[in-house]
Amino acid sequence: EVLFQMIYARDHNPVCDEFLILLAEQTMKVSKKTARLVREKVAEVEACLPQIDMKITKHLEHYSLEEISRIEKNVLRLGLYALFYETDLPPEVAIAEAIRICCKFGSVEGAKFVNAVLEGVYKEMEKHA
C-alpha cells in the first residue's frame, strides 16, 4: 500500500520525494529503512513506466491512459510491474493485490476494470510463454 501511495503521489507531483519519505515515515508509520526501500522501488517502477504504459494502452479497449482515473492507472502500473518484473511473485497474487488496493483506494467498479485489464495482459503473457 505504501508503494501505491508513493507512486500515486508522484503521479500528481514528481518532485516531492523528500516530503513523501517524511510522510511515509510519520503518517504511514513505516521505518526509515522501509521508506528507503519503497523509494528505491518507486524509482524502479518509474524507470519502466514507458514500457508499462504501452502495455496498458494496448489493453484498453474504449479508453486512453489519460481518461482512466489516477487510482486505476497507478494500480495498473503496479500490477503490470509485478507481472513483468517481480518474477518471484505469482501472477495470481499480483492481480489479487492490485484488485485489493483498487477496492481500498478506489471503487469496486475500478477494481473490476483493473482486473479485466490485468487478466488480459496475463492471458497474453501465457500465450507467449
N, C-alpha and C. Protein backbone atom coordinates (compact mmCIF):
# COMPACT_ATOMS: atom_id res chain seq x y z
N GLU A 1 0.81 -1.20 0.00
CA GLU A 1 0.00 0.00 0.00
C GLU A 1 0.85 1.26 0.00
N VAL A 2 1.95 1.22 0.74
CA VAL A 2 2.83 2.39 0.80
C VAL A 2 3.40 2.67 -0.59
N LEU A 3 3.79 1.62 -1.29
CA LEU A 3 4.32 1.79 -2.64
C LEU A 3 3.27 2.43 -3.54
N PHE A 4 2.04 1.95 -3.48
CA PHE A 4 0.96 2.55 -4.29
C PHE A 4 0.80 4.02 -3.95
N GLN A 5 0.75 4.35 -2.67
CA GLN A 5 0.55 5.73 -2.27
C GLN A 5 1.68 6.63 -2.76
N MET A 6 2.89 6.12 -2.75
CA MET A 6 4.04 6.90 -3.23
C MET A 6 3.96 7.10 -4.75
N ILE A 7 3.65 6.04 -5.47
CA ILE A 7 3.52 6.14 -6.94
C ILE A 7 2.39 7.10 -7.30
N TYR A 8 1.28 6.96 -6.60
CA TYR A 8 0.13 7.83 -6.84
C TYR A 8 0.49 9.29 -6.58
N ALA A 9 1.15 9.55 -5.45
CA ALA A 9 1.53 10.92 -5.11
C ALA A 9 2.51 11.49 -6.12
N ARG A 10 3.45 10.67 -6.57
CA ARG A 10 4.43 11.15 -7.56
C ARG A 10 3.79 11.39 -8.92
N ASP A 11 2.69 10.72 -9.20
CA ASP A 11 1.95 10.99 -10.43
C ASP A 11 1.36 12.40 -10.39
N HIS A 12 1.01 12.87 -9.19
CA HIS A 12 0.49 14.23 -9.01
C HIS A 12 1.62 15.25 -9.01
N ASN A 13 2.73 14.90 -8.33
CA ASN A 13 3.83 15.85 -8.17
C ASN A 13 5.15 15.08 -8.17
N PRO A 14 5.81 14.99 -9.32
CA PRO A 14 7.01 14.17 -9.43
C PRO A 14 8.24 14.68 -8.67
N VAL A 15 8.18 15.85 -8.07
CA VAL A 15 9.36 16.39 -7.40
C VAL A 15 9.23 16.41 -5.88
N CYS A 16 8.35 15.61 -5.34
CA CYS A 16 8.09 15.69 -3.89
C CYS A 16 8.70 14.52 -3.12
N ASP A 17 9.82 13.99 -3.57
CA ASP A 17 10.44 12.81 -2.97
C ASP A 17 10.66 12.91 -1.47
N GLU A 18 11.39 13.91 -1.03
CA GLU A 18 11.73 14.02 0.39
C GLU A 18 10.49 14.17 1.25
N PHE A 19 9.53 14.94 0.77
CA PHE A 19 8.28 15.09 1.51
C PHE A 19 7.56 13.75 1.62
N LEU A 20 7.54 12.99 0.55
CA LEU A 20 6.86 11.69 0.57
C LEU A 20 7.52 10.73 1.54
N ILE A 21 8.83 10.74 1.58
CA ILE A 21 9.54 9.87 2.52
C ILE A 21 9.18 10.26 3.95
N LEU A 22 9.19 11.54 4.23
CA LEU A 22 8.83 12.02 5.56
C LEU A 22 7.38 11.65 5.89
N LEU A 23 6.49 11.83 4.93
CA LEU A 23 5.08 11.48 5.12
C LEU A 23 4.93 9.99 5.40
N ALA A 24 5.63 9.17 4.64
CA ALA A 24 5.56 7.72 4.85
C ALA A 24 6.04 7.35 6.24
N GLU A 25 7.12 7.96 6.68
CA GLU A 25 7.66 7.66 8.00
C GLU A 25 6.72 8.09 9.12
N GLN A 26 6.15 9.29 8.98
CA GLN A 26 5.35 9.84 10.07
C GLN A 26 3.89 9.40 10.03
N THR A 27 3.26 9.51 8.87
CA THR A 27 1.83 9.24 8.78
C THR A 27 1.52 7.75 8.60
N MET A 28 2.30 7.10 7.75
CA MET A 28 2.04 5.69 7.46
C MET A 28 2.78 4.77 8.42
N LYS A 29 3.54 5.37 9.32
CA LYS A 29 4.24 4.62 10.37
C LYS A 29 5.17 3.53 9.82
N VAL A 30 5.96 3.89 8.82
CA VAL A 30 6.96 2.95 8.31
C VAL A 30 8.33 3.39 8.79
N SER A 31 9.22 2.43 8.91
CA SER A 31 10.57 2.74 9.36
C SER A 31 11.34 3.47 8.28
N LYS A 32 12.45 4.07 8.67
CA LYS A 32 13.31 4.75 7.69
C LYS A 32 13.81 3.75 6.66
N LYS A 33 14.13 2.55 7.11
CA LYS A 33 14.61 1.52 6.19
C LYS A 33 13.53 1.16 5.17
N THR A 34 12.31 0.96 5.64
CA THR A 34 11.20 0.63 4.73
C THR A 34 10.94 1.78 3.77
N ALA A 35 10.95 3.00 4.28
CA ALA A 35 10.74 4.17 3.42
C ALA A 35 11.82 4.24 2.34
N ARG A 36 13.06 3.94 2.70
CA ARG A 36 14.16 3.95 1.74
C ARG A 36 13.96 2.85 0.68
N LEU A 37 13.53 1.66 1.12
CA LEU A 37 13.27 0.57 0.18
C LEU A 37 12.12 0.90 -0.77
N VAL A 38 11.09 1.53 -0.22
CA VAL A 38 9.96 1.94 -1.06
C VAL A 38 10.42 2.98 -2.08
N ARG A 39 11.24 3.90 -1.65
CA ARG A 39 11.76 4.93 -2.56
C ARG A 39 12.54 4.29 -3.72
N GLU A 40 13.35 3.28 -3.39
CA GLU A 40 14.10 2.57 -4.43
C GLU A 40 13.16 1.85 -5.39
N LYS A 41 12.11 1.24 -4.85
CA LYS A 41 11.13 0.53 -5.69
C LYS A 41 10.37 1.51 -6.57
N VAL A 42 10.06 2.68 -6.04
CA VAL A 42 9.39 3.72 -6.85
C VAL A 42 10.27 4.07 -8.05
N ALA A 43 11.56 4.22 -7.81
CA ALA A 43 12.49 4.54 -8.91
C ALA A 43 12.51 3.41 -9.94
N GLU A 44 12.49 2.15 -9.48
CA GLU A 44 12.48 1.01 -10.40
C GLU A 44 11.20 1.01 -11.24
N VAL A 45 10.06 1.23 -10.60
CA VAL A 45 8.79 1.26 -11.32
C VAL A 45 8.78 2.40 -12.33
N GLU A 46 9.20 3.58 -11.89
CA GLU A 46 9.19 4.74 -12.78
C GLU A 46 10.11 4.55 -13.98
N ALA A 47 11.21 3.83 -13.81
CA ALA A 47 12.11 3.57 -14.93
C ALA A 47 11.44 2.70 -15.99
N CYS A 48 10.47 1.91 -15.58
CA CYS A 48 9.77 1.00 -16.51
C CYS A 48 8.47 1.57 -17.04
N LEU A 49 8.09 2.77 -16.62
CA LEU A 49 6.78 3.31 -17.00
C LEU A 49 6.52 3.39 -18.49
N PRO A 50 7.48 3.77 -19.32
CA PRO A 50 7.16 3.81 -20.76
C PRO A 50 6.70 2.44 -21.29
N GLN A 51 7.39 1.38 -20.91
CA GLN A 51 7.00 0.03 -21.35
C GLN A 51 5.67 -0.39 -20.72
N ILE A 52 5.52 -0.10 -19.44
CA ILE A 52 4.30 -0.46 -18.72
C ILE A 52 3.10 0.27 -19.32
N ASP A 53 3.24 1.57 -19.53
CA ASP A 53 2.13 2.35 -20.09
C ASP A 53 1.76 1.88 -21.49
N MET A 54 2.75 1.45 -22.27
CA MET A 54 2.45 0.90 -23.60
C MET A 54 1.60 -0.36 -23.48
N LYS A 55 1.95 -1.23 -22.54
CA LYS A 55 1.19 -2.47 -22.34
C LYS A 55 -0.22 -2.17 -21.86
N ILE A 56 -0.36 -1.20 -20.97
CA ILE A 56 -1.70 -0.83 -20.50
C ILE A 56 -2.52 -0.31 -21.68
N THR A 57 -1.95 0.61 -22.43
CA THR A 57 -2.66 1.22 -23.55
C THR A 57 -3.11 0.16 -24.55
N LYS A 58 -2.29 -0.83 -24.77
CA LYS A 58 -2.61 -1.90 -25.71
C LYS A 58 -3.87 -2.67 -25.27
N HIS A 59 -4.12 -2.72 -23.97
CA HIS A 59 -5.25 -3.50 -23.46
C HIS A 59 -6.45 -2.64 -23.06
N LEU A 60 -6.40 -1.36 -23.32
CA LEU A 60 -7.56 -0.50 -23.08
C LEU A 60 -8.41 -0.48 -24.34
N GLU A 61 -9.65 -0.90 -24.22
CA GLU A 61 -10.49 -1.00 -25.41
C GLU A 61 -11.15 0.31 -25.79
N HIS A 62 -11.73 0.99 -24.84
CA HIS A 62 -12.50 2.19 -25.17
C HIS A 62 -11.97 3.44 -24.48
N TYR A 63 -10.78 3.35 -23.96
CA TYR A 63 -10.21 4.47 -23.20
C TYR A 63 -8.77 4.70 -23.61
N SER A 64 -8.32 5.91 -23.31
CA SER A 64 -6.89 6.18 -23.40
C SER A 64 -6.36 6.19 -21.97
N LEU A 65 -5.08 6.13 -21.82
CA LEU A 65 -4.47 6.13 -20.48
C LEU A 65 -4.84 7.40 -19.71
N GLU A 66 -4.97 8.51 -20.42
CA GLU A 66 -5.29 9.78 -19.79
C GLU A 66 -6.74 9.84 -19.31
N GLU A 67 -7.60 8.99 -19.84
CA GLU A 67 -9.02 9.03 -19.48
C GLU A 67 -9.36 8.22 -18.23
N ILE A 68 -8.51 7.29 -17.85
CA ILE A 68 -8.83 6.49 -16.68
C ILE A 68 -8.37 7.22 -15.42
N SER A 69 -8.98 6.91 -14.31
CA SER A 69 -8.66 7.62 -13.07
C SER A 69 -7.20 7.38 -12.67
N ARG A 70 -6.66 8.31 -11.93
CA ARG A 70 -5.27 8.17 -11.46
C ARG A 70 -5.11 6.94 -10.58
N ILE A 71 -6.12 6.65 -9.79
CA ILE A 71 -6.04 5.47 -8.93
C ILE A 71 -5.92 4.22 -9.79
N GLU A 72 -6.82 4.04 -10.73
CA GLU A 72 -6.79 2.86 -11.59
C GLU A 72 -5.52 2.79 -12.41
N LYS A 73 -5.10 3.93 -12.95
CA LYS A 73 -3.87 3.96 -13.76
C LYS A 73 -2.67 3.51 -12.95
N ASN A 74 -2.54 4.01 -11.73
CA ASN A 74 -1.38 3.67 -10.92
C ASN A 74 -1.46 2.26 -10.34
N VAL A 75 -2.65 1.77 -10.07
CA VAL A 75 -2.80 0.38 -9.66
C VAL A 75 -2.42 -0.53 -10.84
N LEU A 76 -2.86 -0.17 -12.04
CA LEU A 76 -2.47 -0.95 -13.22
C LEU A 76 -0.96 -0.93 -13.41
N ARG A 77 -0.35 0.21 -13.23
CA ARG A 77 1.11 0.30 -13.37
C ARG A 77 1.81 -0.64 -12.40
N LEU A 78 1.37 -0.63 -11.14
CA LEU A 78 1.99 -1.51 -10.16
C LEU A 78 1.70 -2.98 -10.46
N GLY A 79 0.48 -3.25 -10.90
CA GLY A 79 0.13 -4.63 -11.24
C GLY A 79 0.96 -5.15 -12.40
N LEU A 80 1.12 -4.34 -13.42
CA LEU A 80 1.93 -4.76 -14.57
C LEU A 80 3.41 -4.85 -14.19
N TYR A 81 3.86 -3.95 -13.36
CA TYR A 81 5.25 -4.05 -12.89
C TYR A 81 5.44 -5.39 -12.19
N ALA A 82 4.51 -5.74 -11.33
CA ALA A 82 4.60 -7.02 -10.62
C ALA A 82 4.57 -8.20 -11.59
N LEU A 83 3.69 -8.15 -12.59
CA LEU A 83 3.60 -9.26 -13.55
C LEU A 83 4.87 -9.44 -14.36
N PHE A 84 5.47 -8.34 -14.79
CA PHE A 84 6.62 -8.43 -15.70
C PHE A 84 7.98 -8.39 -15.02
N TYR A 85 8.08 -7.75 -13.88
CA TYR A 85 9.40 -7.53 -13.29
C TYR A 85 9.60 -8.19 -11.92
N GLU A 86 8.53 -8.55 -11.25
CA GLU A 86 8.62 -9.22 -9.95
C GLU A 86 8.38 -10.71 -10.20
N THR A 87 9.32 -11.36 -10.81
CA THR A 87 9.11 -12.73 -11.28
C THR A 87 8.95 -13.74 -10.15
N ASP A 88 9.34 -13.38 -8.94
CA ASP A 88 9.16 -14.29 -7.81
C ASP A 88 7.75 -14.24 -7.24
N LEU A 89 6.95 -13.29 -7.68
CA LEU A 89 5.58 -13.14 -7.21
C LEU A 89 4.63 -13.83 -8.20
N PRO A 90 3.84 -14.79 -7.74
CA PRO A 90 2.90 -15.46 -8.66
C PRO A 90 1.93 -14.45 -9.28
N PRO A 91 1.65 -14.56 -10.57
CA PRO A 91 0.75 -13.61 -11.24
C PRO A 91 -0.61 -13.47 -10.57
N GLU A 92 -1.15 -14.56 -10.08
CA GLU A 92 -2.46 -14.50 -9.42
C GLU A 92 -2.41 -13.62 -8.18
N VAL A 93 -1.29 -13.67 -7.47
CA VAL A 93 -1.12 -12.85 -6.27
C VAL A 93 -0.99 -11.38 -6.66
N ALA A 94 -0.24 -11.10 -7.71
CA ALA A 94 -0.07 -9.72 -8.19
C ALA A 94 -1.42 -9.13 -8.59
N ILE A 95 -2.22 -9.90 -9.30
CA ILE A 95 -3.53 -9.42 -9.74
C ILE A 95 -4.46 -9.23 -8.54
N ALA A 96 -4.47 -10.19 -7.62
CA ALA A 96 -5.32 -10.08 -6.43
C ALA A 96 -4.95 -8.86 -5.59
N GLU A 97 -3.66 -8.60 -5.45
CA GLU A 97 -3.20 -7.45 -4.68
C GLU A 97 -3.62 -6.14 -5.36
N ALA A 98 -3.52 -6.09 -6.67
CA ALA A 98 -3.95 -4.90 -7.42
C ALA A 98 -5.44 -4.65 -7.21
N ILE A 99 -6.22 -5.70 -7.26
CA ILE A 99 -7.67 -5.57 -7.05
C ILE A 99 -7.96 -5.07 -5.63
N ARG A 100 -7.26 -5.64 -4.65
CA ARG A 100 -7.45 -5.23 -3.26
C ARG A 100 -7.13 -3.75 -3.06
N ILE A 101 -6.01 -3.32 -3.62
CA ILE A 101 -5.61 -1.91 -3.49
C ILE A 101 -6.62 -1.00 -4.18
N CYS A 102 -7.09 -1.42 -5.34
CA CYS A 102 -8.07 -0.60 -6.06
C CYS A 102 -9.38 -0.50 -5.28
N CYS A 103 -9.81 -1.58 -4.67
CA CYS A 103 -11.02 -1.55 -3.84
C CYS A 103 -10.83 -0.61 -2.64
N LYS A 104 -9.66 -0.66 -2.03
CA LYS A 104 -9.41 0.15 -0.84
C LYS A 104 -9.33 1.64 -1.16
N PHE A 105 -8.62 2.00 -2.23
CA PHE A 105 -8.39 3.41 -2.53
C PHE A 105 -9.31 3.95 -3.63
N GLY A 106 -9.98 3.07 -4.33
CA GLY A 106 -10.84 3.49 -5.43
C GLY A 106 -12.26 2.98 -5.24
N SER A 107 -12.70 2.16 -6.19
CA SER A 107 -14.06 1.65 -6.15
C SER A 107 -14.10 0.21 -6.63
N VAL A 108 -15.22 -0.44 -6.38
CA VAL A 108 -15.41 -1.81 -6.85
C VAL A 108 -15.43 -1.82 -8.39
N GLU A 109 -16.05 -0.82 -8.98
CA GLU A 109 -16.09 -0.74 -10.44
C GLU A 109 -14.68 -0.58 -11.01
N GLY A 110 -13.88 0.25 -10.35
CA GLY A 110 -12.50 0.43 -10.77
C GLY A 110 -11.71 -0.86 -10.64
N ALA A 111 -11.98 -1.60 -9.57
CA ALA A 111 -11.29 -2.87 -9.36
C ALA A 111 -11.66 -3.88 -10.45
N LYS A 112 -12.91 -3.87 -10.88
CA LYS A 112 -13.33 -4.76 -11.97
C LYS A 112 -12.60 -4.40 -13.26
N PHE A 113 -12.45 -3.11 -13.51
CA PHE A 113 -11.73 -2.63 -14.69
C PHE A 113 -10.27 -3.06 -14.63
N VAL A 114 -9.64 -2.85 -13.48
CA VAL A 114 -8.24 -3.24 -13.28
C VAL A 114 -8.09 -4.75 -13.48
N ASN A 115 -9.00 -5.51 -12.92
CA ASN A 115 -8.95 -6.96 -13.07
C ASN A 115 -9.03 -7.36 -14.54
N ALA A 116 -9.94 -6.76 -15.28
CA ALA A 116 -10.10 -7.10 -16.70
C ALA A 116 -8.82 -6.81 -17.48
N VAL A 117 -8.23 -5.66 -17.24
CA VAL A 117 -7.00 -5.30 -17.97
C VAL A 117 -5.86 -6.24 -17.58
N LEU A 118 -5.67 -6.45 -16.30
CA LEU A 118 -4.57 -7.32 -15.85
C LEU A 118 -4.77 -8.76 -16.31
N GLU A 119 -5.98 -9.24 -16.28
CA GLU A 119 -6.25 -10.61 -16.77
C GLU A 119 -5.94 -10.70 -18.26
N GLY A 120 -6.28 -9.66 -19.02
CA GLY A 120 -5.97 -9.64 -20.45
C GLY A 120 -4.48 -9.69 -20.70
N VAL A 121 -3.74 -8.91 -19.95
CA VAL A 121 -2.28 -8.90 -20.08
C VAL A 121 -1.71 -10.26 -19.70
N TYR A 122 -2.21 -10.83 -18.61
CA TYR A 122 -1.72 -12.12 -18.13
C TYR A 122 -2.00 -13.22 -19.14
N LYS A 123 -3.18 -13.23 -19.72
CA LYS A 123 -3.50 -14.25 -20.73
C LYS A 123 -2.58 -14.13 -21.94
N GLU A 124 -2.29 -12.90 -22.33
CA GLU A 124 -1.36 -12.69 -23.45
C GLU A 124 0.05 -13.17 -23.08
N MET A 125 0.44 -12.93 -21.84
CA MET A 125 1.76 -13.41 -21.39
C MET A 125 1.83 -14.94 -21.47
N GLU A 126 0.76 -15.61 -21.05
CA GLU A 126 0.75 -17.06 -21.07
C GLU A 126 0.85 -17.60 -22.49
N LYS A 127 0.23 -16.92 -23.44
CA LYS A 127 0.30 -17.36 -24.85
C LYS A 127 1.73 -17.33 -25.36
N HIS A 128 2.48 -16.34 -24.93
CA HIS A 128 3.84 -16.15 -25.44
C HIS A 128 4.91 -16.84 -24.58
N ALA A 129 4.46 -17.48 -23.51
CA ALA A 129 5.43 -18.16 -22.63
C ALA A 129 5.86 -19.51 -23.17
